[in-house]
Amino acid sequence: MKIRKTILTVFLIVLVAGNISSQDKKFTFFGSYNYGIGNIPAAVSSELRYPDKDEVNKLRSGSINQLEAGVFYYAVGIGFIHNSYATNATTNFNNTDINGDGLLEDGVLSDKLNLNFTGLEILYKIPVFSTKFDVTWKVGLGIQTYSINKDTQTTGSNPSQYSYTLKGNITTTLAGVEINYQLLKNISIGLETSILPGNYKKLTNADFPTYTYTDNVTRLSSGLKIKVTI
């Protein structure tokens, strides 16, 4: 929440500053919001079995929210970007030795995955078709945090429940392209697609910090966006 509030604050400052101080059309201040879907294309490990494999497959698609704010000097821009991915899954299982105790059990797996990338980006804008259309290429560098809440419940004669959270962060990149159409003088709408690598080698559980886990959540993002420029 603190990251999102920071980005929103920057967004407002950029727009106010541009409205007050920038009458020089060499500089164009912008802020945008993008909502879409994300997909994690990495193959699921062959070591996973039912029901874990089914659960991981369900986490491979989710929702994307993205905020950007910055300034263009002619066709070249620099800005802040925050991209989040969120998804959850639930899988029921039957007659499975879920915890390795030799007993076959019924129950439910539940997971909530959140990925948050925050960083700086460089953009390059190219007019196409007419003055109302442009294609913008972008590359970014920043920190992405990873958090997944995992919960397992078993039913039957010996019901149980256990849960834990895995967390981690890495320095990673973002590369994308967007096409925009100028709907009004200061407002444009568009489409964006991007890729954000996310290969984690040291995810940790606070209850057992000596053990580390790995996960590849490299994702593709596609969505609709609205942009305000001054």
Protein backbone atom coordinates (compact mmCIF):
# COMPACT_ATOMS: atom_id res chain seq x y z
CA MET A 1 0.00 0.00 0.00
CA LYS A 2 2.85 2.41 0.77
CA ILE A 3 4.31 1.86 -2.71
CA ARG A 4 0.98 2.56 -4.39
CA LYS A 5 0.45 5.72 -2.33
CA THR A 6 3.94 6.91 -3.29
CA ILE A 7 3.30 6.35 -6.99
CA LEU A 8 -0.06 8.13 -6.78
CA THR A 9 1.60 11.06 -5.02
CA VAL A 10 4.26 11.27 -7.73
CA PHE A 11 1.50 11.06 -10.35
CA LEU A 12 -0.30 14.07 -8.87
CA ILE A 13 2.89 16.09 -8.39
CA VAL A 14 3.88 15.54 -12.00
CA LEU A 15 0.51 16.67 -13.31
CA VAL A 16 0.38 19.75 -11.06
CA ALA A 17 3.96 20.71 -11.86
CA GLY A 18 3.34 20.33 -15.56
CA ASN A 19 0.19 22.45 -15.42
CA ILE A 20 1.89 25.24 -13.46
CA SER A 21 5.37 25.44 -14.89
CA SER A 22 5.60 23.82 -18.30
CA GLN A 23 4.51 25.98 -21.16
CA ASP A 24 7.45 24.77 -23.27
CA LYS A 25 6.18 22.05 -25.59
CA LYS A 26 9.61 20.45 -25.65
CA PHE A 27 8.51 18.87 -22.38
CA THR A 28 5.37 16.78 -21.96
CA PHE A 29 4.38 15.51 -18.52
CA PHE A 30 2.33 12.33 -18.35
CA GLY A 31 0.57 9.98 -15.98
CA SER A 32 -1.16 6.72 -16.89
CA TYR A 33 -3.09 3.77 -15.51
CA ASN A 34 -3.16 0.31 -17.07
CA TYR A 35 -5.43 -2.60 -16.17
CA GLY A 36 -5.15 -6.01 -17.78
CA ILE A 37 -4.32 -9.67 -17.49
CA GLY A 38 -1.03 -11.38 -16.81
CA ASN A 39 0.25 -14.82 -17.67
CA ILE A 40 3.19 -16.83 -16.30
CA PRO A 41 4.38 -19.02 -19.23
CA ALA A 42 7.15 -20.91 -17.38
CA ALA A 43 6.61 -24.69 -17.37
CA VAL A 44 5.45 -26.25 -14.11
CA SER A 45 8.13 -28.44 -12.52
CA SER A 46 7.83 -32.11 -13.45
CA GLU A 47 8.58 -32.94 -9.79
CA LEU A 48 5.22 -31.57 -8.68
CA ARG A 49 2.37 -34.04 -8.34
CA TYR A 50 -1.37 -33.83 -7.76
CA PRO A 51 -2.78 -31.66 -6.22
CA ASP A 52 0.17 -29.21 -6.08
CA LYS A 53 0.61 -29.27 -9.85
CA ASP A 54 -3.05 -28.37 -10.40
CA GLU A 55 -2.77 -25.53 -7.88
CA VAL A 56 0.35 -24.03 -9.50
CA ASN A 57 -1.28 -24.13 -12.93
CA LYS A 58 -4.18 -22.05 -11.60
CA LEU A 59 -1.72 -19.37 -10.40
CA ARG A 60 -0.36 -18.83 -13.91
CA SER A 61 -2.98 -16.22 -14.80
CA GLY A 62 -4.00 -13.12 -12.85
CA SER A 63 -4.82 -9.41 -12.94
CA ILE A 64 -2.40 -6.57 -13.70
CA ASN A 65 -2.52 -3.00 -12.35
CA GLN A 66 0.09 -0.52 -13.53
CA LEU A 67 0.75 3.14 -12.72
CA GLU A 68 3.25 5.41 -14.48
CA ALA A 69 4.29 9.05 -14.14
CA GLY A 70 7.05 11.00 -15.85
CA VAL A 71 8.09 13.46 -18.52
CA PHE A 72 8.97 13.39 -22.22
CA TYR A 73 11.60 15.60 -23.82
CA TYR A 74 10.43 15.53 -27.42
CA ALA A 75 10.26 11.75 -28.17
CA VAL A 76 12.34 10.49 -25.24
CA GLY A 77 10.82 10.03 -21.82
CA ILE A 78 11.78 9.03 -18.30
CA GLY A 79 9.44 8.06 -15.51
CA PHE A 80 8.41 5.98 -12.53
CA ILE A 81 6.52 2.72 -13.00
CA HIS A 82 4.69 0.39 -10.61
CA ASN A 83 3.34 -2.91 -11.95
CA SER A 84 1.47 -5.40 -9.75
CA TYR A 85 0.27 -8.95 -10.43
CA ALA A 86 -2.29 -10.66 -8.20
CA THR A 87 -3.92 -14.06 -8.35
CA ASN A 88 -5.33 -16.74 -6.07
CA ALA A 89 -6.30 -20.38 -6.41
CA THR A 90 -8.14 -23.14 -4.56
CA THR A 91 -7.83 -26.87 -5.26
CA ASN A 92 -9.78 -29.67 -3.58
CA PHE A 93 -8.01 -33.02 -3.22
CA ASN A 94 -9.17 -36.53 -2.31
CA ASN A 95 -7.42 -39.68 -1.07
CA THR A 96 -3.98 -38.06 -1.14
CA ASP A 97 -1.01 -38.27 1.21
CA ILE A 98 -0.57 -34.49 1.19
CA ASN A 99 1.94 -34.18 4.04
CA GLY A 100 3.94 -37.39 3.75
CA ASP A 101 2.58 -39.04 6.90
CA GLY A 102 1.43 -42.19 5.09
CA LEU A 103 -2.28 -41.39 5.49
CA LEU A 104 -4.67 -40.71 2.61
CA GLU A 105 -6.65 -37.55 3.27
CA ASP A 106 -9.19 -35.17 1.75
CA GLY A 107 -8.84 -31.40 1.90
CA VAL A 108 -8.24 -28.06 0.22
CA LEU A 109 -5.16 -26.14 -0.97
CA SER A 110 -5.35 -22.33 -1.09
CA ASP A 111 -2.78 -19.85 -2.42
CA LYS A 112 -2.60 -16.07 -2.83
CA LEU A 113 0.27 -14.72 -4.98
CA ASN A 114 1.29 -11.05 -5.23
CA LEU A 115 4.15 -9.61 -7.31
CA ASN A 116 5.01 -5.89 -7.17
CA PHE A 117 7.56 -4.24 -9.46
CA THR A 118 8.62 -0.63 -8.81
CA GLY A 119 11.32 1.14 -10.78
CA LEU A 120 12.49 3.71 -13.31
CA GLU A 121 11.78 3.51 -17.02
CA ILE A 122 13.01 5.04 -20.27
CA LEU A 123 10.53 5.50 -23.12
CA TYR A 124 10.76 6.30 -26.82
CA LYS A 125 7.69 7.55 -28.70
CA ILE A 126 7.15 7.24 -32.46
CA PRO A 127 4.15 8.82 -34.28
CA VAL A 128 2.38 6.38 -36.65
CA PHE A 129 -0.50 6.55 -39.11
CA SER A 130 -1.42 10.11 -38.07
CA THR A 131 -0.65 12.66 -35.36
CA LYS A 132 -3.29 11.01 -33.15
CA PHE A 133 -1.50 7.65 -32.97
CA ASP A 134 1.86 6.78 -31.47
CA VAL A 135 3.85 3.68 -30.58
CA THR A 136 5.90 3.92 -27.39
CA TRP A 137 8.69 1.51 -26.50
CA LYS A 138 9.83 1.21 -22.89
CA VAL A 139 12.49 -0.47 -20.77
CA GLY A 140 12.59 -0.37 -17.00
CA LEU A 141 14.81 -1.39 -14.10
CA GLY A 142 13.66 -1.85 -10.53
CA ILE A 143 12.87 -4.09 -7.57
CA GLN A 144 10.17 -6.74 -7.63
CA THR A 145 8.79 -8.19 -4.40
CA TYR A 146 7.24 -11.67 -4.18
CA SER A 147 4.73 -12.86 -1.60
CA ILE A 148 2.64 -16.02 -1.59
CA ASN A 149 0.34 -17.13 1.23
CA LYS A 150 -0.12 -20.91 1.26
CA ASP A 151 -2.75 -22.78 3.26
CA THR A 152 -3.55 -26.50 3.49
CA GLN A 153 -6.61 -27.93 5.23
CA THR A 154 -7.33 -31.63 5.69
CA THR A 155 -10.63 -33.16 6.74
CA GLY A 156 -11.72 -36.51 8.07
CA SER A 157 -10.93 -38.28 11.34
CA ASN A 158 -7.78 -36.17 11.92
CA PRO A 159 -8.53 -32.71 10.55
CA SER A 160 -5.68 -30.20 10.45
CA GLN A 161 -4.67 -26.86 8.99
CA TYR A 162 -1.27 -25.31 8.40
CA SER A 163 -0.24 -22.18 6.55
CA TYR A 164 2.89 -20.20 5.79
CA THR A 165 4.13 -17.32 3.64
CA LEU A 166 7.07 -17.24 1.24
CA LYS A 167 8.68 -13.89 0.47
CA GLY A 168 11.58 -12.52 -1.55
CA ASN A 169 12.74 -9.72 -3.81
CA ILE A 170 15.01 -9.35 -6.83
CA THR A 171 16.35 -6.62 -9.08
CA THR A 172 14.81 -7.15 -12.50
CA THR A 173 13.83 -5.46 -15.75
CA LEU A 174 10.72 -4.66 -17.73
CA ALA A 175 10.38 -4.32 -21.50
CA GLY A 176 7.21 -3.35 -23.29
CA VAL A 177 5.44 -1.56 -26.10
CA GLU A 178 2.21 0.42 -26.18
CA ILE A 179 0.08 1.95 -28.92
CA ASN A 180 -1.95 5.04 -28.04
CA TYR A 181 -4.75 7.01 -29.63
CA GLN A 182 -5.32 10.64 -28.65
CA LEU A 183 -8.98 10.70 -27.72
CA LEU A 184 -9.05 14.27 -26.36
CA LYS A 185 -6.50 17.07 -26.14
CA ASN A 186 -4.89 15.77 -22.96
CA ILE A 187 -6.26 12.24 -22.79
CA SER A 188 -5.30 9.18 -24.79
CA ILE A 189 -6.29 5.52 -24.63
CA GLY A 190 -4.26 2.56 -25.71
CA LEU A 191 -3.08 -1.02 -25.49
CA GLU A 192 0.13 -2.24 -23.86
CA THR A 193 2.02 -5.50 -23.67
CA SER A 194 5.19 -6.17 -21.69
CA ILE A 195 7.42 -8.87 -20.26
CA LEU A 196 8.82 -8.83 -16.73
CA PRO A 197 11.42 -11.49 -15.75
CA GLY A 198 11.03 -12.99 -12.28
CA ASN A 199 13.32 -15.92 -11.51
CA TYR A 200 13.59 -16.17 -7.71
CA LYS A 201 16.36 -18.26 -6.15
CA LYS A 202 15.99 -17.36 -2.45
CA LEU A 203 12.38 -17.27 -1.30
CA THR A 204 12.15 -17.68 2.47
CA ASN A 205 9.64 -18.71 5.10
CA ALA A 206 9.92 -16.55 8.22
CA ASP A 207 9.21 -19.58 10.43
CA PHE A 208 12.09 -21.57 8.87
CA PRO A 209 14.55 -18.96 7.52
CA THR A 210 17.36 -21.47 6.95
CA TYR A 211 15.40 -23.12 4.12
CA THR A 212 15.13 -21.37 0.76
CA TYR A 213 12.76 -21.97 -2.15
CA THR A 214 12.82 -21.13 -5.86
CA ASP A 215 10.13 -20.01 -8.28
CA ASN A 216 10.11 -18.65 -11.83
CA VAL A 217 7.25 -16.17 -12.19
CA THR A 218 8.42 -14.40 -15.35
CA ARG A 219 5.22 -12.94 -16.73
CA LEU A 220 3.62 -11.41 -19.77
CA SER A 221 1.22 -8.49 -19.25
CA SER A 222 -1.41 -7.13 -21.63
CA GLY A 223 -3.99 -4.47 -20.90
CA LEU A 224 -5.92 -1.31 -21.64
CA LYS A 225 -4.52 2.00 -20.52
CA ILE A 226 -5.57 5.61 -20.14
CA LYS A 227 -2.96 8.38 -20.23
CA VAL A 228 -3.13 12.04 -19.25
CA THR A 229 -0.55 14.43 -20.75
CA ILE A 230 0.20 18.09 -20.16
